[in-house]
Amino acid sequence: MKHSWQRDEAEKHIGEVLDAAKAHGSQAVVDHLGGLFTITFEQPKATLKELFSKPGPLLDDDLDS
C-alpha cells in the first residue's frame, strides 16, 4: 500500500489515504510547495470504566501517559 501521496491525488482519494493510515501506518502527503503533511491513525484509549472492568492487573500499555 502507498505511504506517500501528492496532494492533488490525496484530495481525490481521501478515503483511501485515511484507510491506508489505519491499516498500514502513517501516510505522507506532499504539498505543492514541497511541505509535508503526515496522516496518522490513533486507536482510542480505553476509558477508566473499561480498564477497571478487565480482569487482572493493569499494564503500563493500558494507561494513558
Protein backbone atom coordinates (compact mmCIF):
# COMPACT_ATOMS: atom_id res chain seq x y z
CA MET A 1 0.00 0.00 0.00
CA LYS A 2 1.11 3.55 -0.68
CA HIS A 3 2.78 5.57 2.04
CA SER A 4 3.33 8.77 0.05
CA TRP A 5 0.81 10.81 -1.93
CA GLN A 6 0.87 14.02 -3.94
CA ARG A 7 -1.64 16.50 -2.51
CA ASP A 8 -3.91 16.53 -5.60
CA GLU A 9 -4.05 12.73 -5.59
CA ALA A 10 -4.68 12.59 -1.82
CA GLU A 11 -7.54 15.10 -2.10
CA LYS A 12 -9.21 12.96 -4.80
CA HIS A 13 -8.75 9.75 -2.79
CA ILE A 14 -9.01 10.95 0.82
CA GLY A 15 -10.90 7.82 1.88
CA GLU A 16 -8.07 5.64 0.59
CA VAL A 17 -5.48 7.81 2.35
CA LEU A 18 -7.34 7.50 5.66
CA ASP A 19 -7.88 3.75 5.24
CA ALA A 20 -4.19 3.28 4.40
CA ALA A 21 -3.15 5.22 7.51
CA LYS A 22 -5.39 2.99 9.64
CA ALA A 23 -4.26 -0.29 8.05
CA HIS A 24 -0.62 0.38 7.15
CA GLY A 25 0.64 3.29 9.25
CA SER A 26 1.44 6.94 8.61
CA GLN A 27 0.82 8.39 5.16
CA ALA A 28 2.81 11.33 3.78
CA VAL A 29 1.06 13.93 1.63
CA VAL A 30 3.43 16.19 -0.29
CA ASP A 31 2.15 19.76 -0.67
CA HIS A 32 2.55 21.80 -3.88
CA LEU A 33 5.21 23.96 -2.22
CA GLY A 34 7.22 20.97 -1.02
CA GLY A 35 5.85 20.86 2.52
CA LEU A 36 4.72 17.59 4.01
CA PHE A 37 1.56 16.53 5.83
CA THR A 38 1.65 13.33 7.85
CA ILE A 39 -1.65 11.47 8.24
CA THR A 40 -1.73 9.04 11.17
CA PHE A 41 -4.39 6.97 12.89
CA GLU A 42 -4.51 6.54 16.66
CA GLN A 43 -6.54 3.89 18.43
CA PRO A 44 -8.80 5.42 21.08
CA LYS A 45 -7.65 4.93 24.67
CA ALA A 46 -9.81 2.84 26.95
CA THR A 47 -12.00 4.64 29.46
CA LEU A 48 -11.46 4.11 33.20
CA LYS A 49 -14.66 2.05 33.28
CA GLU A 50 -13.28 -0.24 30.57
CA LEU A 51 -9.89 -0.51 32.29
CA PHE A 52 -11.35 -1.42 35.67
CA SER A 53 -13.75 -3.95 34.15
CA LYS A 54 -10.78 -6.01 32.84
CA PRO A 55 -9.68 -8.95 34.96
CA GLY A 56 -6.13 -8.93 36.30
CA PRO A 57 -3.57 -6.17 36.81
CA LEU A 58 -3.31 -3.11 34.57
CA LEU A 59 -0.29 -2.94 32.30
CA ASP A 60 1.64 0.23 31.51
CA ASP A 61 0.33 -0.03 27.93
CA ASP A 62 -3.24 0.17 29.27
CA LEU A 63 -2.64 3.55 30.87
CA ASP A 64 -2.63 6.91 29.10
CA SER A 65 0.55 8.79 29.94
